[in-house]
Amino acid sequence: MMNTSCLRRAVAACAVACVLAAGCGDGPSRHIEKAISDYQTGDRDRATARLAVDLLHYAAEFVTEVPHAVCGEKLVFAREGKVLRLLYPVVETFDISGEWRMISFDAERNALAVSNGRALKVLEGGLVRGELVVSPDGKAPITGIIMSHDAVLYSAGQMVYRYEAGSGGGELLFRGAKFPSPIGLAASDTVISSRGSLISLVTGNAGVYRASVADLSTGAVLMKDRPVTSRRSALGDSRFYYVAGSMGAWTIASAGIASGKSDALYQFSDAFDVALAEQGAVVHRADGVWLVNFSSGKKLRLPFEYSLAGQCVNRALIRCGKMSALVDIGKLASKAEEIAARLPDLFSGKTPGK
């Protein structure tokens, strides 16, 4: 690892460089090459800070310096009182009063769905297009929502429904199949993700979850109640990626949606947070942020002051100084491996000459 003085300077430089890099027009690849050259010729502090920023820009689909930006399933947003600032995939502002704890956005329709657990509200073009009271007494609350194919899918009372704004009510899906929580509905959350006609549901809380996958086009439940230990997951065309295990012995794994056969991809003993994608994973551990490339099988600790801030559309939201970057995990891992091959001492923690 870098020594303490080097690390402090790199962190400070990273915060400044985050601002500068956003305005550069030559592209992050050229800046990465320049930073590698500077590192090799001895300017390691500045070069390390530049690499930290330019690597994120290289893999980023979206970059912001808005404070407290957070992820939803399909969006990045910030909330200021009753104003919702949508930052990704489009820039938009919604005026939302009252309490809500679930949110989903459809960029094609410019439509937003929110829920407080008792009711569901759909806004389109800034206007309320539909509102549905699902659980007035809170005994069978809404536990998760996602916008999908001109409607809102929501889970309530162990089942999944489809609601079109303006219709009379929710349509029961999957022939009434139940997706029970392992800890009881009142304390549960459900993360619903979609990919084509497939949806996944991860239901539970506090490290105890069950995961299922279903097909909207056929109404079939393809995978049911698989035990998982994190709300983080990723849905591929034929595989489901998840975290299993228990305290101090976790495993990132994938399971065939049709076969149910699982494969272990990465084992770890501690983590602050995890982001998963079909291409790989970002794991924020006590000793830093790690990348796991599912294609190459390589695991790499990044020697930068990064923190993982969430997951959105199988992307990772990574912070560096004041900057938050929503990055393609596979692209980030591939470029980081290229840099590590050329600067092995930086990624091994050795700093010759210091």
Foldseek 3Di string as FASTA:
>chain_A
DDDPVLQVLLQVLLQVVLVVVVPDDPALVVQLVVLLVCVVVPPVSNSLSSNVNSLLRNFFPFKDLPPPWAAAAAFIWDDDQQWIFTRPPDTDIERHDDDFDAKEADPVQRKIWTHNFQKIWIDGPRHTQAIGGDHPPNQFTWQYWYDDDQWIWTHTPQFIWTGHRPDDDTHTALVGDGADEPVHRSPKHWRWHDDVQKIKIWMYDDQWTFIWMAGNVVSHTQGGGDTAGDNAWEDDPFKIWGWHDDAQWIFIKIAGSNPRDIDTQDIGGAFPDKAAYPQWIWTQGPVAIWTAGSVVSDIFGRLAPKDWRHYYNSWTFIDRNSMTGTGNRNSSVVVVVVSCVSVVCSRVVHRPPD
